[in-house]
C-alpha atoms as a PDB file:
ATOM      1  CA  MET A   1      24.669  46.730   2.475  1.00  0.00           C
ATOM      2  CA  SER A   2      23.374  48.703  -0.486  1.00  0.00           C
ATOM      3  CA  GLY A   3      23.969  47.422  -4.175  1.00  0.00           C
ATOM      4  CA  ASN A   4      26.661  49.950  -4.866  1.00  0.00           C
ATOM      5  CA  GLU A   5      28.807  48.364  -2.293  1.00  0.00           C
ATOM      6  CA  LYS A   6      28.051  45.016  -3.167  1.00  0.00           C
ATOM      7  CA  SER A   7      29.095  45.907  -6.886  1.00  0.00           C
ATOM      8  CA  GLN A   8      31.886  47.550  -5.741  1.00  0.00           C
ATOM      9  CA  ILE A   9      32.915  44.331  -3.749  1.00  0.00           C
ATOM     10  CA  SER A  10      32.449  42.135  -6.473  1.00  0.00           C
ATOM     11  CA  LEU A  11      34.513  44.047  -8.876  1.00  0.00           C
ATOM     12  CA  LEU A  12      37.263  44.273  -6.289  1.00  0.00           C
ATOM     13  CA  LYS A  13      36.915  40.327  -6.343  1.00  0.00           C
ATOM     14  CA  GLU A  14      37.222  40.081 -10.009  1.00  0.00           C
ATOM     15  CA  MET A  15      40.156  42.415 -10.040  1.00  0.00           C
ATOM     16  CA  PHE A  16      42.071  40.803  -7.462  1.00  0.00           C
ATOM     17  CA  GLY A  17      41.218  37.438  -9.403  1.00  0.00           C
ATOM     18  CA  ASN A  18      42.955  39.080 -12.630  1.00  0.00           C
ATOM     19  CA  VAL A  19      45.878  40.168 -10.854  1.00  0.00           C
ATOM     20  CA  LEU A  20      46.489  36.977  -9.322  1.00  0.00           C
ATOM     21  CA  GLU A  21      45.871  35.477 -12.456  1.00  0.00           C
ATOM     22  CA  LEU A  22      48.430  37.979 -14.298  1.00  0.00           C
ATOM     23  CA  MET A  23      50.869  37.324 -11.485  1.00  0.00           C
ATOM     24  CA  LEU A  24      50.798  33.398 -11.906  1.00  0.00           C
ATOM     25  CA  ILE A  25      51.618  34.256 -15.770  1.00  0.00           C
ATOM     26  CA  ARG A  26      54.276  36.131 -15.076  1.00  0.00           C
ATOM     27  CA  LEU A  27      56.140  33.832 -12.665  1.00  0.00           C
ATOM     28  CA  GLN A  28      55.331  31.008 -15.122  1.00  0.00           C
ATOM     29  CA  MET A  29      57.331  33.109 -17.821  1.00  0.00           C
ATOM     30  CA  ALA A  30      60.107  33.751 -15.344  1.00  0.00           C
ATOM     31  CA  ARG A  31      60.229  30.106 -14.709  1.00  0.00           C
ATOM     32  CA  VAL A  32      60.435  29.084 -18.031  1.00  0.00           C
ATOM     33  CA  ASP A  33      63.318  31.562 -18.528  1.00  0.00           C
ATOM     34  CA  ILE A  34      65.122  30.096 -15.773  1.00  0.00           C
ATOM     35  CA  LEU A  35      65.134  26.603 -16.788  1.00  0.00           C
ATOM     36  CA  GLY A  36      65.979  28.042 -20.552  1.00  0.00           C
ATOM     37  CA  LEU A  37      68.973  29.855 -19.005  1.00  0.00           C
ATOM     38  CA  LYS A  38      69.636  26.045 -16.853  1.00  0.00           C
ATOM     39  CA  ASN A  39      69.486  24.053 -19.692  1.00  0.00           C
ATOM     40  CA  ALA A  40      71.731  26.352 -22.083  1.00  0.00           C
ATOM     41  CA  LEU A  41      74.243  26.676 -19.004  1.00  0.00           C
ATOM     42  CA  LEU A  42      74.041  22.559 -19.127  1.00  0.00           C
ATOM     43  CA  LYS A  43      74.618  22.360 -22.636  1.00  0.00           C
ATOM     44  CA  VAL A  44      77.434  24.691 -22.977  1.00  0.00           C
ATOM     45  CA  LEU A  45      79.378  23.070 -19.708  1.00  0.00           C
ATOM     46  CA  ILE A  46      78.845  19.635 -21.653  1.00  0.00           C
ATOM     47  CA  ALA A  47      80.220  20.677 -24.739  1.00  0.00           C
ATOM     48  CA  ALA A  48      83.345  22.595 -23.314  1.00  0.00           C
ATOM     49  CA  ILE A  49      84.199  19.349 -21.029  1.00  0.00           C
ATOM     50  CA  ALA A  50      83.891  17.224 -24.374  1.00  0.00           C
ATOM     51  CA  ALA A  51      85.829  19.417 -26.700  1.00  0.00           C
ATOM     52  CA  LEU A  52      88.267  20.010 -23.707  1.00  0.00           C
ATOM     53  CA  ILE A  53      89.081  16.117 -23.359  1.00  0.00           C
ATOM     54  CA  LEU A  54      89.123  16.269 -27.261  1.00  0.00           C
ATOM     55  CA  PHE A  55      91.319  18.926 -27.679  1.00  0.00           C
ATOM     56  CA  LEU A  56      93.788  17.311 -25.054  1.00  0.00           C
ATOM     57  CA  LEU A  57      93.909  14.294 -26.511  1.00  0.00           C
ATOM     58  CA  GLY A  58      94.878  15.466 -29.941  1.00  0.00           C
ATOM     59  CA  PHE A  59      96.995  17.858 -28.684  1.00  0.00           C
ATOM     60  CA  LEU A  60      99.291  15.346 -26.975  1.00  0.00           C
ATOM     61  CA  CYS A  61      99.096  13.436 -29.966  1.00  0.00           C
ATOM     62  CA  LEU A  62     100.088  16.093 -32.285  1.00  0.00           C
ATOM     63  CA  LEU A  63     102.919  17.416 -29.735  1.00  0.00           C
ATOM     64  CA  PHE A  64     104.364  13.473 -29.506  1.00  0.00           C
ATOM     65  CA  GLY A  65     104.377  13.305 -33.326  1.00  0.00           C
ATOM     66  CA  LEU A  66     105.958  16.660 -34.023  1.00  0.00           C
ATOM     67  CA  ASN A  67     108.538  15.900 -31.208  1.00  0.00           C
ATOM     68  CA  ALA A  68     109.553  12.608 -33.303  1.00  0.00           C
ATOM     69  CA  ALA A  69     109.361  14.499 -36.746  1.00  0.00           C
ATOM     70  CA  LEU A  70     111.225  17.741 -36.225  1.00  0.00           C
ATOM     71  CA  SER A  71     114.601  18.761 -35.578  1.00  0.00           C
ATOM     72  CA  PRO A  72     115.632  20.378 -32.267  1.00  0.00           C
ATOM     73  CA  ALA A  73     115.474  24.218 -33.580  1.00  0.00           C
ATOM     74  CA  ALA A  74     112.266  23.525 -35.462  1.00  0.00           C
ATOM     75  CA  LYS A  75     110.610  21.764 -32.348  1.00  0.00           C
ATOM     76  CA  ILE A  76     111.142  25.071 -30.297  1.00  0.00           C
ATOM     77  CA  TRP A  77     109.334  27.909 -32.378  1.00  0.00           C
ATOM     78  CA  VAL A  78     106.608  24.855 -33.069  1.00  0.00           C
ATOM     79  CA  PHE A  79     105.901  24.081 -29.486  1.00  0.00           C
ATOM     80  CA  PHE A  80     105.867  27.942 -28.485  1.00  0.00           C
ATOM     81  CA  GLY A  81     103.379  29.146 -31.376  1.00  0.00           C
ATOM     82  CA  LEU A  82     100.813  26.218 -30.457  1.00  0.00           C
ATOM     83  CA  VAL A  83     100.636  27.690 -27.181  1.00  0.00           C
ATOM     84  CA  VAL A  84      99.953  30.911 -28.409  1.00  0.00           C
ATOM     85  CA  LEU A  85      97.425  29.478 -30.930  1.00  0.00           C
ATOM     86  CA  SER A  86      95.822  27.901 -28.095  1.00  0.00           C
ATOM     87  CA  VAL A  87      95.667  30.603 -25.831  1.00  0.00           C
ATOM     88  CA  VAL A  88      94.171  32.631 -28.671  1.00  0.00           C
ATOM     89  CA  VAL A  89      91.414  29.566 -29.405  1.00  0.00           C
ATOM     90  CA  ILE A  90      91.015  29.844 -25.522  1.00  0.00           C
ATOM     91  CA  ALA A  91      90.193  33.482 -25.500  1.00  0.00           C
ATOM     92  CA  VAL A  92      87.466  33.314 -28.339  1.00  0.00           C
ATOM     93  CA  LEU A  93      85.837  30.359 -26.599  1.00  0.00           C
ATOM     94  CA  VAL A  94      85.548  32.057 -23.188  1.00  0.00           C
ATOM     95  CA  LEU A  95      83.853  35.177 -25.077  1.00  0.00           C
ATOM     96  CA  MET A  96      81.354  33.160 -27.004  1.00  0.00           C
ATOM     97  CA  VAL A  97      80.558  31.434 -23.931  1.00  0.00           C
ATOM     98  CA  LEU A  98      80.342  34.667 -22.007  1.00  0.00           C
ATOM     99  CA  ASN A  99      77.929  36.107 -25.002  1.00  0.00           C
ATOM    100  CA  THR A 100      75.947  33.071 -24.776  1.00  0.00           C
ATOM    101  CA  LEU A 101      74.996  33.361 -21.003  1.00  0.00           C
ATOM    102  CA  LYS A 102      74.546  37.538 -21.587  1.00  0.00           C
ATOM    103  CA  GLY A 103      71.768  36.760 -24.257  1.00  0.00           C
ATOM    104  CA  GLN A 104      69.737  34.221 -21.616  1.00  0.00           C
ATOM    105  CA  GLN A 105      70.023  36.443 -18.895  1.00  0.00           C
ATOM    106  CA  SER A 106      68.895  39.536 -20.638  1.00  0.00           C
ATOM    107  CA  CYS A 107      65.645  37.360 -21.509  1.00  0.00           C
ATOM    108  CA  LEU A 108      65.227  36.543 -17.856  1.00  0.00           C
ATOM    109  CA  GLN A 109      65.460  40.442 -16.672  1.00  0.00           C
ATOM    110  CA  SER A 110      63.219  41.441 -19.302  1.00  0.00           C
ATOM    111  CA  THR A 111      60.675  39.002 -17.751  1.00  0.00           C
ATOM    112  CA  LEU A 112      61.247  40.069 -14.082  1.00  0.00           C
ATOM    113  CA  LYS A 113      61.031  43.877 -15.412  1.00  0.00           C
ATOM    114  CA  GLY A 114      57.662  43.037 -16.746  1.00  0.00           C
ATOM    115  CA  LEU A 115      56.529  41.418 -13.290  1.00  0.00           C
ATOM    116  CA  GLN A 116      57.869  44.833 -11.802  1.00  0.00           C
ATOM    117  CA  ASP A 117      56.061  46.728 -14.124  1.00  0.00           C
ATOM    118  CA  ASP A 118      52.559  44.753 -13.544  1.00  0.00           C
ATOM    119  CA  MET A 119      52.991  45.253  -9.743  1.00  0.00           C
ATOM    120  CA  ALA A 120      53.585  48.903 -10.428  1.00  0.00           C
ATOM    121  CA  TYR A 121      50.611  49.214 -12.325  1.00  0.00           C
ATOM    122  CA  ILE A 122      48.623  47.157  -9.530  1.00  0.00           C
ATOM    123  CA  ARG A 123      49.581  49.512  -6.846  1.00  0.00           C
ATOM    124  CA  GLY A 124      49.026  52.250  -8.738  1.00  0.00           C
ATOM    125  CA  GLU A 125      52.405  53.734  -9.497  1.00  0.00           C
ATOM    126  CA  LYS A 126      52.168  53.751 -12.971  1.00  0.00           C
ATOM    127  CA  ARG A 127      49.241  54.483 -15.184  1.00  0.00           C
ATOM    128  CA  TYR A 128      48.211  52.232 -17.988  1.00  0.00           C
ATOM    129  CA  SER A 129      48.401  54.928 -20.828  1.00  0.00           C
ATOM    130  CA  ASP A 130      52.447  54.696 -19.696  1.00  0.00           C
ATOM    131  CA  ILE A 131      52.303  51.373 -21.576  1.00  0.00           C
ATOM    132  CA  ASP A 132      54.781  51.339 -24.472  1.00  0.00           C
ATOM    133  CA  ILE A 133      54.236  48.116 -26.327  1.00  0.00           C
ATOM    134  CA  GLU A 134      57.186  47.708 -28.879  1.00  0.00           C
ATOM    135  CA  GLU A 135      55.168  45.638 -31.592  1.00  0.00           C
ATOM    136  CA  LEU A 136      52.962  48.731 -31.932  1.00  0.00           C
ATOM    137  CA  HIS A 137      55.476  50.992 -32.819  1.00  0.00           C
ATOM    138  CA  ASP A 138      57.151  48.270 -35.403  1.00  0.00           C
ATOM    139  CA  ASP A 139      56.938  49.707 -38.753  1.00  0.00           C
ATOM    140  CA  GLY A 140      57.648  46.461 -40.359  1.00  0.00           C
ATOM    141  CA  ARG A 141      61.718  47.313 -41.314  1.00  0.00           C
END
C-alpha cells in the first residue's frame, strides 16, 4: 500500500468520524425537541384538566345561584346566554392549544429537515455551496 492510499484511508476514517459525530449531534437535537414537545403537551393537558374542573365547579355554583335569584323569564335568557358564551370560550381555548402545538411541531420539523440536509450533503446529493444560513443574511432589522 502506498503512502497516498494510506492518507486517503486516513482521510476517509476522519470524514466518517466527523459524519458520525454530526449525526449524533443532530439526533440529540431531535431528542431535545421531542422532549420539549412532550413537556409542552403535558403542561397543556394538566392546565386544561385543572381549568375544566374549576370551570365546571364555578359554573354549577353560578347556575344554582342564578336559579334562586332570577325570575322564570330571565332564567331562560341567562342560561342560554351562558351556553353561548361557554361555547365561544371553548373555541378560543382550543385554538390556543392548537397554535401551541403547531409551534412545537415546527421546531421538531426544522431539526429533522436539518438532519435530512446533512445526509444529503454526506451522500453528495447537495453541495456545500448550497448551504443557506439565515443568520448570515440577517441585516439586524
